[in-house]
């Protein structure tokens, strides 16, 4: 005799919960992968020229704060209990993908900073006084909150919220140096557009997941209780639109003036169809004539 087991259909709330998890992991992948195009571009060019050093240091400090925030909210029972006491016994909305994303982003950002030391860069490419002052000031602020916690004047969750606001502040300003560099050079060469396209996708999905989770739980305090995630999405989208306008509309010339040699630039222009292939022989003849002239003691004016 065959016994048929009744299988209950998932409730709409359970279905939406699954959709939320899928969205979360998609945005995690999009945002995480978005850090690789810049590192790959640096490696291919063997140069970080055209990339803002301020952006790199802002990013590293911001993601350090964000990693600590997510790790504590996800793993610390003490922090989770304090959050419930402050938010009507509701759980916080930090998910595993948030933790993985922030830690992974910190690691790749530190690697990109390492690239800035080993690859070619301009003499003027160094962290600015403004960026250094901002980072130092916020570090002092973190130290002050820690002292307040130890003195019983604040709780550890207050420190985490302070670090979350640092991350939000960093996100407000970190792209400004790169926007300015692109404007000054009238070019986006050295700055990966693929990073921006993936970041834009992640921003849209991040906001979607946060709002969906709040709607499923019926608790919109999760949005106000996690301001950094909500704010990050909107800020990322805004700057991504600016960079896309710079790259695709304002500064469409892709000529890389920083490449290691004229030969590399010539090959790139031929591959893009912007330089006829029959110039290849002309270029070789000119180079041969130039070498012969140098050998015989002649020179070109």
C-alpha atoms as a PDB file:
ATOM      1  CA  UNK A   1       0.000   0.000   0.000  1.00  0.00           C
ATOM      2  CA  UNK A   2       1.340   3.374  -0.959  1.00  0.00           C
ATOM      3  CA  UNK A   3       1.065   6.031   1.689  1.00  0.00           C
ATOM      4  CA  UNK A   4       0.881   9.546   0.342  1.00  0.00           C
ATOM      5  CA  UNK A   5       2.334  12.163   2.594  1.00  0.00           C
ATOM      6  CA  UNK A   6       0.583  15.495   2.547  1.00  0.00           C
ATOM      7  CA  UNK A   7       2.974  18.272   1.741  1.00  0.00           C
ATOM      8  CA  UNK A   8       1.941  21.688   2.882  1.00  0.00           C
ATOM      9  CA  UNK A   9       2.291  24.460   0.375  1.00  0.00           C
ATOM     10  CA  UNK A  10       4.582  27.257   1.519  1.00  0.00           C
ATOM     11  CA  UNK A  11       2.834  30.320   2.812  1.00  0.00           C
ATOM     12  CA  UNK A  12       3.165  33.607   0.897  1.00  0.00           C
ATOM     13  CA  UNK A  13       5.333  34.908   3.729  1.00  0.00           C
ATOM     14  CA  UNK A  14       7.697  31.939   3.376  1.00  0.00           C
ATOM     15  CA  UNK A  15       7.896  32.437  -0.393  1.00  0.00           C
ATOM     16  CA  UNK A  16       8.747  36.114   0.024  1.00  0.00           C
ATOM     17  CA  UNK A  17      11.336  35.122   2.618  1.00  0.00           C
ATOM     18  CA  UNK A  18      13.021  32.829   0.096  1.00  0.00           C
ATOM     19  CA  UNK A  19      12.930  35.588  -2.526  1.00  0.00           C
ATOM     20  CA  UNK A  20      14.562  37.940  -0.022  1.00  0.00           C
ATOM     21  CA  UNK A  21      17.382  35.470   0.583  1.00  0.00           C
ATOM     22  CA  UNK A  22      17.949  35.054  -3.161  1.00  0.00           C
ATOM     23  CA  UNK A  23      18.038  38.830  -3.659  1.00  0.00           C
ATOM     24  CA  UNK A  24      20.474  39.112  -0.764  1.00  0.00           C
ATOM     25  CA  UNK A  25      22.931  36.662  -2.236  1.00  0.00           C
ATOM     26  CA  UNK A  26      22.642  38.173  -5.725  1.00  0.00           C
ATOM     27  CA  UNK A  27      23.482  41.640  -4.421  1.00  0.00           C
ATOM     28  CA  UNK A  28      26.264  40.107  -2.328  1.00  0.00           C
ATOM     29  CA  UNK A  29      27.771  38.598  -5.478  1.00  0.00           C
ATOM     30  CA  UNK A  30      27.283  41.793  -7.520  1.00  0.00           C
ATOM     31  CA  UNK A  31      28.802  44.063  -4.875  1.00  0.00           C
ATOM     32  CA  UNK A  32      31.593  41.605  -4.046  1.00  0.00           C
ATOM     33  CA  UNK A  33      32.591  41.029  -7.664  1.00  0.00           C
ATOM     34  CA  UNK A  34      32.494  44.800  -8.242  1.00  0.00           C
ATOM     35  CA  UNK A  35      35.823  45.153  -6.413  1.00  0.00           C
ATOM     36  CA  UNK A  36      37.698  42.892  -8.828  1.00  0.00           C
ATOM     37  CA  UNK A  37      37.539  44.886 -12.107  1.00  0.00           C
ATOM     38  CA  UNK A  38      39.571  47.741 -10.597  1.00  0.00           C
ATOM     39  CA  UNK A  39      42.197  45.368  -9.199  1.00  0.00           C
ATOM     40  CA  UNK A  40      42.360  43.533 -12.532  1.00  0.00           C
ATOM     41  CA  UNK A  41      42.649  46.822 -14.436  1.00  0.00           C
ATOM     42  CA  UNK A  42      45.515  47.897 -12.174  1.00  0.00           C
ATOM     43  CA  UNK A  43      47.247  44.564 -12.769  1.00  0.00           C
ATOM     44  CA  UNK A  44      46.822  44.726 -16.547  1.00  0.00           C
ATOM     45  CA  UNK A  45      48.129  48.302 -16.746  1.00  0.00           C
ATOM     46  CA  UNK A  46      50.747  47.741 -14.023  1.00  0.00           C
ATOM     47  CA  UNK A  47      49.668  51.184 -12.908  1.00  0.00           C
ATOM     48  CA  UNK A  48      47.193  52.944 -10.616  1.00  0.00           C
ATOM     49  CA  UNK A  49      47.475  56.246 -12.486  1.00  0.00           C
ATOM     50  CA  UNK A  50      44.041  57.775 -12.865  1.00  0.00           C
ATOM     51  CA  UNK A  51      42.801  56.179  -9.625  1.00  0.00           C
ATOM     52  CA  UNK A  52      42.155  58.290  -6.523  1.00  0.00           C
ATOM     53  CA  UNK A  53      44.321  57.278  -3.560  1.00  0.00           C
ATOM     54  CA  UNK A  54      41.907  59.079  -1.220  1.00  0.00           C
ATOM     55  CA  UNK A  55      39.152  56.784  -2.477  1.00  0.00           C
ATOM     56  CA  UNK A  56      41.166  53.706  -1.535  1.00  0.00           C
ATOM     57  CA  UNK A  57      41.865  54.860   2.025  1.00  0.00           C
ATOM     58  CA  UNK A  58      38.317  56.085   2.576  1.00  0.00           C
ATOM     59  CA  UNK A  59      37.073  52.714   1.354  1.00  0.00           C
ATOM     60  CA  UNK A  60      39.371  50.718   3.637  1.00  0.00           C
ATOM     61  CA  UNK A  61      38.418  52.698   6.761  1.00  0.00           C
ATOM     62  CA  UNK A  62      34.728  52.584   5.890  1.00  0.00           C
ATOM     63  CA  UNK A  63      34.664  48.852   5.295  1.00  0.00           C
ATOM     64  CA  UNK A  64      36.618  48.198   8.484  1.00  0.00           C
ATOM     65  CA  UNK A  65      33.883  50.003  10.426  1.00  0.00           C
ATOM     66  CA  UNK A  66      31.146  48.240   8.461  1.00  0.00           C
ATOM     67  CA  UNK A  67      32.740  44.813   9.002  1.00  0.00           C
ATOM     68  CA  UNK A  68      32.891  45.339  12.764  1.00  0.00           C
ATOM     69  CA  UNK A  69      29.261  46.521  12.756  1.00  0.00           C
ATOM     70  CA  UNK A  70      27.997  43.489  10.808  1.00  0.00           C
ATOM     71  CA  UNK A  71      30.112  40.942  12.684  1.00  0.00           C
ATOM     72  CA  UNK A  72      28.865  42.201  16.049  1.00  0.00           C
ATOM     73  CA  UNK A  73      25.198  42.384  15.025  1.00  0.00           C
ATOM     74  CA  UNK A  74      25.321  38.910  13.483  1.00  0.00           C
ATOM     75  CA  UNK A  75      27.359  37.006  16.087  1.00  0.00           C
ATOM     76  CA  UNK A  76      27.107  38.855  19.414  1.00  0.00           C
ATOM     77  CA  UNK A  77      24.209  37.744  21.641  1.00  0.00           C
ATOM     78  CA  UNK A  78      24.726  40.801  23.823  1.00  0.00           C
ATOM     79  CA  UNK A  79      24.331  43.163  20.874  1.00  0.00           C
ATOM     80  CA  UNK A  80      21.317  41.248  19.560  1.00  0.00           C
ATOM     81  CA  UNK A  81      19.582  41.430  22.946  1.00  0.00           C
ATOM     82  CA  UNK A  82      20.260  45.144  23.302  1.00  0.00           C
ATOM     83  CA  UNK A  83      18.889  45.725  19.812  1.00  0.00           C
ATOM     84  CA  UNK A  84      15.687  43.893  20.753  1.00  0.00           C
ATOM     85  CA  UNK A  85      15.303  45.998  23.895  1.00  0.00           C
ATOM     86  CA  UNK A  86      15.579  49.166  21.837  1.00  0.00           C
ATOM     87  CA  UNK A  87      13.376  48.027  18.944  1.00  0.00           C
ATOM     88  CA  UNK A  88      10.266  46.434  20.406  1.00  0.00           C
ATOM     89  CA  UNK A  89      11.701  42.922  20.751  1.00  0.00           C
ATOM     90  CA  UNK A  90      12.336  42.696  16.994  1.00  0.00           C
ATOM     91  CA  UNK A  91      15.451  41.091  15.511  1.00  0.00           C
ATOM     92  CA  UNK A  92      17.967  43.157  13.553  1.00  0.00           C
ATOM     93  CA  UNK A  93      18.113  42.698   9.777  1.00  0.00           C
ATOM     94  CA  UNK A  94      21.834  42.001   9.361  1.00  0.00           C
ATOM     95  CA  UNK A  95      22.176  38.818   7.293  1.00  0.00           C
ATOM     96  CA  UNK A  96      25.037  36.408   6.603  1.00  0.00           C
ATOM     97  CA  UNK A  97      25.540  37.913   3.149  1.00  0.00           C
ATOM     98  CA  UNK A  98      26.039  41.341   4.772  1.00  0.00           C
ATOM     99  CA  UNK A  99      28.827  39.915   6.927  1.00  0.00           C
ATOM    100  CA  UNK A 100      30.542  38.131   4.043  1.00  0.00           C
ATOM    101  CA  UNK A 101      30.246  41.164   1.802  1.00  0.00           C
ATOM    102  CA  UNK A 102      31.775  43.652   4.231  1.00  0.00           C
ATOM    103  CA  UNK A 103      34.704  41.435   5.244  1.00  0.00           C
ATOM    104  CA  UNK A 104      35.401  40.454   1.645  1.00  0.00           C
ATOM    105  CA  UNK A 105      35.218  44.106   0.532  1.00  0.00           C
ATOM    106  CA  UNK A 106      37.718  45.089   3.212  1.00  0.00           C
ATOM    107  CA  UNK A 107      40.155  42.399   2.065  1.00  0.00           C
ATOM    108  CA  UNK A 108      40.001  43.379  -1.617  1.00  0.00           C
ATOM    109  CA  UNK A 109      40.283  47.082  -0.782  1.00  0.00           C
ATOM    110  CA  UNK A 110      43.429  46.438   1.255  1.00  0.00           C
ATOM    111  CA  UNK A 111      44.821  44.464  -1.683  1.00  0.00           C
ATOM    112  CA  UNK A 112      44.124  47.409  -4.012  1.00  0.00           C
ATOM    113  CA  UNK A 113      45.978  49.717  -1.612  1.00  0.00           C
ATOM    114  CA  UNK A 114      48.885  47.262  -1.794  1.00  0.00           C
ATOM    115  CA  UNK A 115      48.769  47.597  -5.590  1.00  0.00           C
ATOM    116  CA  UNK A 116      49.131  51.360  -5.229  1.00  0.00           C
ATOM    117  CA  UNK A 117      52.541  50.763  -3.617  1.00  0.00           C
ATOM    118  CA  UNK A 118      53.917  48.275  -6.133  1.00  0.00           C
ATOM    119  CA  UNK A 119      52.528  49.685  -9.392  1.00  0.00           C
ATOM    120  CA  UNK A 120      53.323  52.851 -11.284  1.00  0.00           C
ATOM    121  CA  UNK A 121      51.700  56.024  -9.987  1.00  0.00           C
ATOM    122  CA  UNK A 122      52.159  59.779 -10.268  1.00  0.00           C
ATOM    123  CA  UNK A 123      54.216  61.720  -7.734  1.00  0.00           C
ATOM    124  CA  UNK A 124      51.051  63.594  -6.765  1.00  0.00           C
ATOM    125  CA  UNK A 125      49.150  60.382  -6.022  1.00  0.00           C
ATOM    126  CA  UNK A 126      49.126  60.254  -2.236  1.00  0.00           C
ATOM    127  CA  UNK A 127      46.508  60.554   0.463  1.00  0.00           C
ATOM    128  CA  UNK A 128      45.394  64.167   0.816  1.00  0.00           C
ATOM    129  CA  UNK A 129      45.488  66.197   4.022  1.00  0.00           C
ATOM    130  CA  UNK A 130      41.681  66.364   4.014  1.00  0.00           C
ATOM    131  CA  UNK A 131      41.291  62.582   3.779  1.00  0.00           C
ATOM    132  CA  UNK A 132      43.944  62.003   6.438  1.00  0.00           C
ATOM    133  CA  UNK A 133      42.292  64.516   8.771  1.00  0.00           C
ATOM    134  CA  UNK A 134      38.870  62.912   8.321  1.00  0.00           C
ATOM    135  CA  UNK A 135      40.161  59.417   9.055  1.00  0.00           C
ATOM    136  CA  UNK A 136      42.183  60.576  12.070  1.00  0.00           C
ATOM    137  CA  UNK A 137      39.226  62.534  13.479  1.00  0.00           C
ATOM    138  CA  UNK A 138      36.863  59.579  13.217  1.00  0.00           C
ATOM    139  CA  UNK A 139      39.451  57.247  14.764  1.00  0.00           C
ATOM    140  CA  UNK A 140      39.661  59.632  17.728  1.00  0.00           C
ATOM    141  CA  UNK A 141      35.852  59.603  17.849  1.00  0.00           C
ATOM    142  CA  UNK A 142      35.805  55.803  18.033  1.00  0.00           C
ATOM    143  CA  UNK A 143      38.357  55.906  20.847  1.00  0.00           C
ATOM    144  CA  UNK A 144      36.212  58.446  22.725  1.00  0.00           C
ATOM    145  CA  UNK A 145      33.116  56.236  22.491  1.00  0.00           C
ATOM    146  CA  UNK A 146      35.119  53.236  23.733  1.00  0.00           C
ATOM    147  CA  UNK A 147      36.194  55.294  26.750  1.00  0.00           C
ATOM    148  CA  UNK A 148      32.538  56.221  27.341  1.00  0.00           C
ATOM    149  CA  UNK A 149      31.534  52.549  27.193  1.00  0.00           C
ATOM    150  CA  UNK A 150      34.225  51.576  29.691  1.00  0.00           C
ATOM    151  CA  UNK A 151      33.048  54.408  31.953  1.00  0.00           C
ATOM    152  CA  UNK A 152      29.471  53.131  31.820  1.00  0.00           C
ATOM    153  CA  UNK A 153      28.211  56.193  29.931  1.00  0.00           C
ATOM    154  CA  UNK A 154      27.369  54.254  26.756  1.00  0.00           C
ATOM    155  CA  UNK A 155      26.873  50.683  25.553  1.00  0.00           C
ATOM    156  CA  UNK A 156      28.734  48.671  22.943  1.00  0.00           C
ATOM    157  CA  UNK A 157      25.804  48.936  20.559  1.00  0.00           C
ATOM    158  CA  UNK A 158      26.271  52.712  20.657  1.00  0.00           C
ATOM    159  CA  UNK A 159      29.842  52.241  19.455  1.00  0.00           C
ATOM    160  CA  UNK A 160      28.573  50.065  16.607  1.00  0.00           C
ATOM    161  CA  UNK A 161      26.038  52.671  15.572  1.00  0.00           C
ATOM    162  CA  UNK A 162      28.779  55.299  15.643  1.00  0.00           C
ATOM    163  CA  UNK A 163      30.915  53.127  13.355  1.00  0.00           C
ATOM    164  CA  UNK A 164      27.923  52.585  11.090  1.00  0.00           C
ATOM    165  CA  UNK A 165      27.524  56.337  10.752  1.00  0.00           C
ATOM    166  CA  UNK A 166      31.243  56.607   9.952  1.00  0.00           C
ATOM    167  CA  UNK A 167      30.711  54.141   7.118  1.00  0.00           C
ATOM    168  CA  UNK A 168      27.762  56.171   5.894  1.00  0.00           C
ATOM    169  CA  UNK A 169      29.805  59.397   6.057  1.00  0.00           C
ATOM    170  CA  UNK A 170      32.663  57.713   4.190  1.00  0.00           C
ATOM    171  CA  UNK A 171      30.238  56.626   1.480  1.00  0.00           C
ATOM    172  CA  UNK A 172      29.028  60.208   1.138  1.00  0.00           C
ATOM    173  CA  UNK A 173      32.502  61.553   0.404  1.00  0.00           C
ATOM    174  CA  UNK A 174      34.695  58.692  -0.822  1.00  0.00           C
ATOM    175  CA  UNK A 175      33.698  59.022  -4.485  1.00  0.00           C
ATOM    176  CA  UNK A 176      34.160  62.802  -4.614  1.00  0.00           C
ATOM    177  CA  UNK A 177      37.959  62.676  -5.202  1.00  0.00           C
ATOM    178  CA  UNK A 178      37.480  60.258  -8.119  1.00  0.00           C
ATOM    179  CA  UNK A 179      34.696  62.368  -9.638  1.00  0.00           C
ATOM    180  CA  UNK A 180      37.013  65.382  -9.408  1.00  0.00           C
ATOM    181  CA  UNK A 181      39.980  63.522 -10.940  1.00  0.00           C
ATOM    182  CA  UNK A 182      37.833  62.367 -13.863  1.00  0.00           C
ATOM    183  CA  UNK A 183      36.576  65.925 -14.356  1.00  0.00           C
ATOM    184  CA  UNK A 184      40.073  67.411 -14.178  1.00  0.00           C
ATOM    185  CA  UNK A 185      41.450  64.954 -16.741  1.00  0.00           C
ATOM    186  CA  UNK A 186      38.242  64.918 -18.828  1.00  0.00           C
ATOM    187  CA  UNK A 187      38.713  61.144 -18.828  1.00  0.00           C
ATOM    188  CA  UNK A 188      37.764  58.011 -16.899  1.00  0.00           C
ATOM    189  CA  UNK A 189      40.899  56.100 -17.914  1.00  0.00           C
ATOM    190  CA  UNK A 190      42.299  54.224 -14.915  1.00  0.00           C
ATOM    191  CA  UNK A 191      38.857  53.947 -13.279  1.00  0.00           C
ATOM    192  CA  UNK A 192      36.942  50.740 -14.044  1.00  0.00           C
ATOM    193  CA  UNK A 193      33.380  51.243 -15.327  1.00  0.00           C
ATOM    194  CA  UNK A 194      32.626  47.557 -14.672  1.00  0.00           C
ATOM    195  CA  UNK A 195      33.091  48.269 -10.982  1.00  0.00           C
ATOM    196  CA  UNK A 196      30.384  50.942 -11.303  1.00  0.00           C
ATOM    197  CA  UNK A 197      27.897  48.808 -13.234  1.00  0.00           C
ATOM    198  CA  UNK A 198      28.130  46.006 -10.679  1.00  0.00           C
ATOM    199  CA  UNK A 199      27.942  48.481  -7.805  1.00  0.00           C
ATOM    200  CA  UNK A 200      24.777  49.992  -9.311  1.00  0.00           C
ATOM    201  CA  UNK A 201      23.182  46.539  -9.494  1.00  0.00           C
ATOM    202  CA  UNK A 202      24.130  45.818  -5.881  1.00  0.00           C
ATOM    203  CA  UNK A 203      22.698  49.130  -4.680  1.00  0.00           C
ATOM    204  CA  UNK A 204      19.301  48.499  -6.270  1.00  0.00           C
ATOM    205  CA  UNK A 205      19.085  44.965  -4.884  1.00  0.00           C
ATOM    206  CA  UNK A 206      20.298  45.971  -1.410  1.00  0.00           C
ATOM    207  CA  UNK A 207      17.474  48.484  -1.003  1.00  0.00           C
ATOM    208  CA  UNK A 208      14.990  45.995  -2.440  1.00  0.00           C
ATOM    209  CA  UNK A 209      15.960  43.330   0.105  1.00  0.00           C
ATOM    210  CA  UNK A 210      15.843  45.711   3.058  1.00  0.00           C
ATOM    211  CA  UNK A 211      12.371  47.006   2.163  1.00  0.00           C
ATOM    212  CA  UNK A 212      11.129  43.489   1.411  1.00  0.00           C
ATOM    213  CA  UNK A 213      12.354  42.183   4.775  1.00  0.00           C
ATOM    214  CA  UNK A 214      10.664  45.065   6.576  1.00  0.00           C
ATOM    215  CA  UNK A 215       7.408  44.409   4.703  1.00  0.00           C
ATOM    216  CA  UNK A 216       7.520  40.665   5.435  1.00  0.00           C
ATOM    217  CA  UNK A 217       8.089  41.181   9.156  1.00  0.00           C
ATOM    218  CA  UNK A 218       5.683  44.111   9.354  1.00  0.00           C
ATOM    219  CA  UNK A 219       8.381  45.947  11.271  1.00  0.00           C
ATOM    220  CA  UNK A 220       9.658  49.059   9.512  1.00  0.00           C
ATOM    221  CA  UNK A 221      11.916  49.863  12.441  1.00  0.00           C
ATOM    222  CA  UNK A 222      14.368  47.511  10.755  1.00  0.00           C
ATOM    223  CA  UNK A 223      14.954  50.217   8.173  1.00  0.00           C
ATOM    224  CA  UNK A 224      15.649  52.901  10.767  1.00  0.00           C
ATOM    225  CA  UNK A 225      17.490  50.352  12.917  1.00  0.00           C
ATOM    226  CA  UNK A 226      19.950  49.657  10.087  1.00  0.00           C
ATOM    227  CA  UNK A 227      20.442  53.131   8.577  1.00  0.00           C
ATOM    228  CA  UNK A 228      23.817  52.311   7.078  1.00  0.00           C
ATOM    229  CA  UNK A 229      22.451  49.603   4.768  1.00  0.00           C
ATOM    230  CA  UNK A 230      19.528  51.765   3.669  1.00  0.00           C
ATOM    231  CA  UNK A 231      21.667  54.846   3.128  1.00  0.00           C
ATOM    232  CA  UNK A 232      24.478  52.979   1.384  1.00  0.00           C
ATOM    233  CA  UNK A 233      22.163  51.772  -1.346  1.00  0.00           C
ATOM    234  CA  UNK A 234      20.908  55.243  -2.252  1.00  0.00           C
ATOM    235  CA  UNK A 235      24.361  56.840  -2.064  1.00  0.00           C
ATOM    236  CA  UNK A 236      25.910  54.126  -4.232  1.00  0.00           C
ATOM    237  CA  UNK A 237      23.190  54.502  -6.854  1.00  0.00           C
ATOM    238  CA  UNK A 238      23.606  58.285  -6.982  1.00  0.00           C
ATOM    239  CA  UNK A 239      27.362  58.217  -7.511  1.00  0.00           C
ATOM    240  CA  UNK A 240      27.135  55.304  -9.932  1.00  0.00           C
ATOM    241  CA  UNK A 241      24.837  57.389 -12.136  1.00  0.00           C
ATOM    242  CA  UNK A 242      27.389  60.233 -12.051  1.00  0.00           C
ATOM    243  CA  UNK A 243      30.223  57.897 -13.073  1.00  0.00           C
ATOM    244  CA  UNK A 244      28.151  56.336 -15.850  1.00  0.00           C
ATOM    245  CA  UNK A 245      27.400  59.811 -17.204  1.00  0.00           C
ATOM    246  CA  UNK A 246      31.105  60.684 -17.081  1.00  0.00           C
ATOM    247  CA  UNK A 247      32.139  57.467 -18.809  1.00  0.00           C
ATOM    248  CA  UNK A 248      29.453  57.069 -21.466  1.00  0.00           C
ATOM    249  CA  UNK A 249      28.416  60.678 -22.151  1.00  0.00           C
ATOM    250  CA  UNK A 250      30.903  63.331 -21.018  1.00  0.00           C
ATOM    251  CA  UNK A 251      34.341  61.719 -21.392  1.00  0.00           C
ATOM    252  CA  UNK A 252      34.042  59.127 -24.127  1.00  0.00           C
ATOM    253  CA  UNK A 253      37.682  59.255 -25.229  1.00  0.00           C
ATOM    254  CA  UNK A 254      39.310  56.026 -23.981  1.00  0.00           C
ATOM    255  CA  UNK A 255      42.881  56.983 -24.914  1.00  0.00           C
ATOM    256  CA  UNK A 256      45.106  55.806 -22.084  1.00  0.00           C
ATOM    257  CA  UNK A 257      47.869  58.370 -21.711  1.00  0.00           C
ATOM    258  CA  UNK A 258      49.333  56.371 -18.839  1.00  0.00           C
ATOM    259  CA  UNK A 259      50.167  53.143 -20.695  1.00  0.00           C
ATOM    260  CA  UNK A 260      53.721  51.894 -20.448  1.00  0.00           C
ATOM    261  CA  UNK A 261      54.607  52.543 -24.088  1.00  0.00           C
ATOM    262  CA  UNK A 262      53.379  54.047 -27.339  1.00  0.00           C
ATOM    263  CA  UNK A 263      53.348  50.534 -28.806  1.00  0.00           C
ATOM    264  CA  UNK A 264      50.743  49.339 -26.282  1.00  0.00           C
ATOM    265  CA  UNK A 265      48.483  52.294 -27.050  1.00  0.00           C
ATOM    266  CA  UNK A 266      48.867  51.766 -30.805  1.00  0.00           C
ATOM    267  CA  UNK A 267      47.908  48.091 -30.520  1.00  0.00           C
ATOM    268  CA  UNK A 268      44.861  49.005 -28.441  1.00  0.00           C
ATOM    269  CA  UNK A 269      43.682  51.574 -31.007  1.00  0.00           C
ATOM    270  CA  UNK A 270      44.112  49.035 -33.834  1.00  0.00           C
ATOM    271  CA  UNK A 271      42.147  46.405 -31.867  1.00  0.00           C
ATOM    272  CA  UNK A 272      39.319  48.911 -31.335  1.00  0.00           C
ATOM    273  CA  UNK A 273      39.289  49.790 -35.035  1.00  0.00           C
ATOM    274  CA  UNK A 274      40.249  53.389 -34.350  1.00  0.00           C
ATOM    275  CA  UNK A 275      43.577  53.052 -36.195  1.00  0.00           C
ATOM    276  CA  UNK A 276      43.960  51.361 -39.629  1.00  0.00           C
ATOM    277  CA  UNK A 277      45.926  48.122 -39.609  1.00  0.00           C
ATOM    278  CA  UNK A 278      48.050  49.282 -42.543  1.00  0.00           C
ATOM    279  CA  UNK A 279      49.695  51.770 -40.197  1.00  0.00           C
ATOM    280  CA  UNK A 280      51.459  48.788 -38.626  1.00  0.00           C
ATOM    281  CA  UNK A 281      54.077  48.632 -41.409  1.00  0.00           C
ATOM    282  CA  UNK A 282      54.478  52.409 -41.416  1.00  0.00           C
ATOM    283  CA  UNK A 283      55.061  52.379 -37.664  1.00  0.00           C
ATOM    284  CA  UNK A 284      57.693  49.630 -37.973  1.00  0.00           C
ATOM    285  CA  UNK A 285      59.498  51.464 -40.803  1.00  0.00           C
ATOM    286  CA  UNK A 286      59.542  54.699 -38.818  1.00  0.00           C
ATOM    287  CA  UNK A 287      60.870  52.890 -35.773  1.00  0.00           C
ATOM    288  CA  UNK A 288      63.582  51.185 -37.862  1.00  0.00           C
ATOM    289  CA  UNK A 289      64.585  54.485 -39.483  1.00  0.00           C
ATOM    290  CA  UNK A 290      64.709  56.124 -36.063  1.00  0.00           C
ATOM    291  CA  UNK A 291      66.968  53.390 -34.695  1.00  0.00           C
ATOM    292  CA  UNK A 292      69.265  53.591 -37.725  1.00  0.00           C
ATOM    293  CA  UNK A 293      69.531  57.343 -37.391  1.00  0.00           C
ATOM    294  CA  UNK A 294      70.398  57.050 -33.708  1.00  0.00           C
ATOM    295  CA  UNK A 295      73.111  54.496 -34.533  1.00  0.00           C
ATOM    296  CA  UNK A 296      74.689  56.790 -37.146  1.00  0.00           C
ATOM    297  CA  UNK A 297      74.685  59.736 -34.796  1.00  0.00           C
ATOM    298  CA  UNK A 298      71.794  61.551 -36.466  1.00  0.00           C
ATOM    299  CA  UNK A 299      68.760  62.830 -34.682  1.00  0.00           C
ATOM    300  CA  UNK A 300      65.266  63.999 -35.524  1.00  0.00           C
ATOM    301  CA  UNK A 301      64.184  67.534 -34.722  1.00  0.00           C
END
